[in-house]
Amino acid sequence: MPTPTERIEKRFSDPVATATPWSAATERLARAELAWIVTVRPDGRPHSTPAVPVFYDGKMYFHTGRHEVKHANLRANPNILVLVGDSEWDHGLDVMFEGIARPLTDPVALRPVADEFRTRWDGRWILESADGGLESLGAPDVDIVVYEVTPTKARGHAKGEPFGQTIYRFADAPTPALTQEGTR
């Protein structure tokens, strides 16, 4: 994945703040134990739910059941927002990751992602790559879909002194899909 351009957003930053390097944002994404996944329902209402993320090779991965709301939403509109951070006011880094979510079904590509998911759990869920998806050995009847999120834009919100907002733009980012109304 190419490194994005980094720009401090002066309107929302301390005057002495500098851009947070993309490497710091990817470190925050990689160590996140939980991410909020935001999708859009077909009628335009937002839907948000927590998920265990894996940030691997410059992309974010999460999984869901084939019968869950976020899966239905992403089938209708692949645009997604992934939020990683915490509720601390005066320290830390929150990262917002916008992108296009696509089901990952290639067994070769799924293997390292499945291995990464193994490190995310406390042992309650053991995931195996199988038949172009992941399956849970603890819940074999759950039909799991793995999504790969390719970034189009990201923001980092450095908290504390100095606070600052960094915007990350990806030169070769895919064009977001059109909504039902034909707008982006």
Protein backbone atom coordinates (compact mmCIF):
# COMPACT_ATOMS: atom_id res chain seq x y z
CA MET A 1 0.00 0.00 0.00
CA PRO A 2 1.40 3.40 -0.90
CA THR A 3 2.06 5.93 1.81
CA PRO A 4 -0.54 8.71 1.76
CA THR A 5 0.19 12.39 1.84
CA GLU A 6 -0.08 13.89 5.33
CA ARG A 7 -1.43 17.35 6.02
CA ILE A 8 -2.14 19.07 9.33
CA GLU A 9 -5.62 20.60 9.39
CA LYS A 10 -4.78 23.97 10.94
CA ARG A 11 -8.43 24.93 11.54
CA PHE A 12 -8.78 22.10 14.07
CA SER A 13 -5.27 22.00 15.52
CA ASP A 14 -3.10 23.79 18.05
CA PRO A 15 -0.96 26.41 16.23
CA VAL A 16 2.24 24.48 17.06
CA ALA A 17 0.91 21.04 16.07
CA THR A 18 2.51 19.12 13.23
CA ALA A 19 1.07 16.33 11.12
CA THR A 20 0.99 12.93 12.79
CA PRO A 21 2.98 10.53 10.61
CA TRP A 22 1.00 7.82 8.83
CA SER A 23 3.25 5.27 10.57
CA ALA A 24 1.79 6.39 13.94
CA ALA A 25 -1.76 6.08 12.57
CA THR A 26 -1.07 2.56 11.22
CA GLU A 27 0.44 1.55 14.57
CA ARG A 28 -2.75 2.72 16.29
CA LEU A 29 -4.90 0.83 13.78
CA ALA A 30 -2.79 -2.33 14.19
CA ARG A 31 -3.07 -2.43 17.98
CA ALA A 32 -6.78 -1.65 18.17
CA GLU A 33 -8.72 -4.31 20.03
CA LEU A 34 -12.01 -2.87 18.87
CA ALA A 35 -13.16 -0.70 15.98
CA TRP A 36 -16.51 0.89 15.27
CA ILE A 37 -17.77 -0.06 11.82
CA VAL A 38 -20.17 2.47 10.30
CA THR A 39 -22.26 1.51 7.27
CA VAL A 40 -25.32 2.99 5.59
CA ARG A 41 -28.64 1.22 5.40
CA PRO A 42 -30.40 1.12 2.00
CA ASP A 43 -32.83 3.79 3.26
CA GLY A 44 -29.91 6.13 4.10
CA ARG A 45 -29.89 5.73 7.89
CA PRO A 46 -26.49 5.02 9.47
CA HIS A 47 -25.67 1.77 11.24
CA SER A 48 -22.78 1.38 13.67
CA THR A 49 -21.46 -1.67 15.45
CA PRO A 50 -18.23 -2.69 17.17
CA ALA A 51 -16.01 -5.30 15.55
CA VAL A 52 -12.62 -6.85 16.19
CA PRO A 53 -10.34 -5.44 13.48
CA VAL A 54 -7.15 -6.63 11.86
CA PHE A 55 -4.95 -4.03 10.18
CA TYR A 56 -2.65 -5.96 7.87
CA ASP A 57 -0.61 -4.95 4.86
CA GLY A 58 -2.15 -1.47 4.74
CA LYS A 59 -5.77 -2.61 4.82
CA MET A 60 -8.37 -3.13 7.52
CA TYR A 61 -10.19 -6.45 7.88
CA PHE A 62 -13.21 -7.44 9.93
CA HIS A 63 -15.74 -10.20 9.73
CA THR A 64 -19.47 -10.48 10.14
CA GLY A 65 -22.22 -13.01 9.73
CA ARG A 66 -23.87 -13.32 6.34
CA HIS A 67 -27.24 -12.55 7.99
CA GLU A 68 -26.15 -9.43 9.90
CA VAL A 69 -27.18 -5.84 9.17
CA LYS A 70 -23.70 -4.60 8.27
CA HIS A 71 -23.33 -7.35 5.65
CA ALA A 72 -26.66 -6.39 4.03
CA ASN A 73 -25.69 -2.71 4.14
CA LEU A 74 -22.31 -3.34 2.51
CA ARG A 75 -23.89 -5.41 -0.25
CA ALA A 76 -26.01 -2.37 -1.13
CA ASN A 77 -23.30 0.26 -0.56
CA PRO A 78 -19.61 -0.69 -0.02
CA ASN A 79 -18.62 2.69 1.44
CA ILE A 80 -17.57 2.33 5.07
CA LEU A 81 -16.13 4.26 7.97
CA VAL A 82 -13.89 2.55 10.52
CA LEU A 83 -13.22 4.37 13.80
CA VAL A 84 -10.44 3.42 16.20
CA GLY A 85 -9.74 5.32 19.39
CA ASP A 86 -10.91 5.74 22.93
CA SER A 87 -12.86 8.15 25.07
CA GLU A 88 -9.83 9.82 26.62
CA TRP A 89 -9.86 13.58 26.16
CA ASP A 90 -6.28 14.63 26.77
CA HIS A 91 -4.02 11.93 25.32
CA GLY A 92 -3.84 9.33 22.61
CA LEU A 93 -4.58 9.13 18.92
CA ASP A 94 -7.95 8.44 17.33
CA VAL A 95 -8.00 7.34 13.69
CA MET A 96 -10.87 7.54 11.23
CA PHE A 97 -10.46 5.33 8.20
CA GLU A 98 -12.78 5.77 5.19
CA GLY A 99 -12.84 3.22 2.44
CA ILE A 100 -14.43 0.66 0.21
CA ALA A 101 -15.28 -2.70 1.82
CA ARG A 102 -15.20 -5.81 -0.35
CA PRO A 103 -15.68 -9.46 0.64
CA LEU A 104 -12.37 -11.31 0.74
CA THR A 105 -12.83 -14.80 -0.68
CA ASP A 106 -9.45 -15.75 -2.15
CA PRO A 107 -8.19 -18.65 0.03
CA VAL A 108 -4.55 -17.64 -0.43
CA ALA A 109 -5.24 -14.05 0.68
CA LEU A 110 -7.46 -15.26 3.54
CA ARG A 111 -4.79 -17.45 5.17
CA PRO A 112 -2.59 -14.61 6.58
CA VAL A 113 -5.69 -12.64 7.58
CA ALA A 114 -7.04 -15.69 9.45
CA ASP A 115 -3.65 -16.01 11.17
CA GLU A 116 -3.82 -12.34 12.19
CA PHE A 117 -7.33 -12.82 13.61
CA ARG A 118 -5.96 -15.65 15.79
CA THR A 119 -3.82 -13.07 17.61
CA ARG A 120 -6.82 -10.80 18.22
CA TRP A 121 -8.93 -13.15 20.30
CA ASP A 122 -8.53 -14.45 23.82
CA GLY A 123 -9.14 -18.03 22.72
CA ARG A 124 -12.93 -17.98 22.67
CA TRP A 125 -13.07 -17.82 18.87
CA ILE A 126 -10.67 -19.86 16.79
CA LEU A 127 -11.02 -18.94 13.13
CA GLU A 128 -9.95 -21.15 10.24
CA SER A 129 -9.77 -20.33 6.54
CA ALA A 130 -12.26 -22.53 4.70
CA ASP A 131 -14.10 -22.45 1.38
CA GLY A 132 -13.28 -18.83 0.54
CA GLY A 133 -14.16 -17.53 3.99
CA LEU A 134 -13.50 -17.98 7.67
CA GLU A 135 -15.27 -20.35 9.96
CA SER A 136 -15.39 -20.37 13.71
CA LEU A 137 -14.46 -23.67 15.29
CA GLY A 138 -16.52 -22.56 18.31
CA ALA A 139 -19.61 -21.74 16.21
CA PRO A 140 -19.39 -23.83 13.03
CA ASP A 141 -22.94 -23.00 11.93
CA VAL A 142 -22.23 -19.23 11.67
CA ASP A 143 -21.66 -18.22 8.04
CA ILE A 144 -18.80 -15.70 8.31
CA VAL A 145 -17.91 -13.12 5.65
CA VAL A 146 -14.52 -11.39 5.82
CA TYR A 147 -14.34 -7.83 4.53
CA GLU A 148 -11.23 -6.06 3.30
CA VAL A 149 -11.32 -2.26 3.54
CA THR A 150 -9.11 -0.34 1.14
CA PRO A 151 -8.55 3.22 2.37
CA THR A 152 -9.67 6.23 0.40
CA LYS A 153 -9.06 8.81 3.12
CA ALA A 154 -8.11 8.84 6.79
CA ARG A 155 -7.84 11.33 9.63
CA GLY A 156 -5.78 11.19 12.78
CA HIS A 157 -6.85 13.15 15.84
CA ALA A 158 -3.90 13.66 18.21
CA LYS A 159 -5.19 14.52 21.68
CA GLY A 160 -3.38 16.40 24.40
CA GLU A 161 -0.75 19.08 23.98
CA PRO A 162 -0.49 19.92 21.21
CA PHE A 163 -3.75 18.60 19.79
CA GLY A 164 -4.00 18.28 16.05
CA GLN A 165 -5.93 16.80 13.18
CA THR A 166 -4.02 15.21 10.32
CA ILE A 167 -5.61 14.36 7.00
CA TYR A 168 -4.20 11.43 5.02
CA ARG A 169 -4.98 11.19 1.30
CA PHE A 170 -4.25 8.17 -0.87
CA ALA A 171 -3.23 9.04 -4.44
CA ASP A 172 -4.59 5.86 -6.00
CA ALA A 173 -7.65 5.54 -3.79
CA PRO A 174 -10.68 3.97 -5.45
CA THR A 175 -13.55 6.28 -6.25
CA PRO A 176 -16.35 5.92 -3.69
CA ALA A 177 -19.44 4.23 -5.03
CA LEU A 178 -22.41 6.38 -5.94
CA THR A 179 -25.39 6.36 -3.59
CA GLN A 180 -28.89 5.66 -4.81
CA GLU A 181 -29.36 9.40 -5.36
CA GLY A 182 -26.28 9.52 -7.62
CA THR A 183 -24.13 11.61 -5.27
CA ARG A 184 -20.78 10.75 -3.72
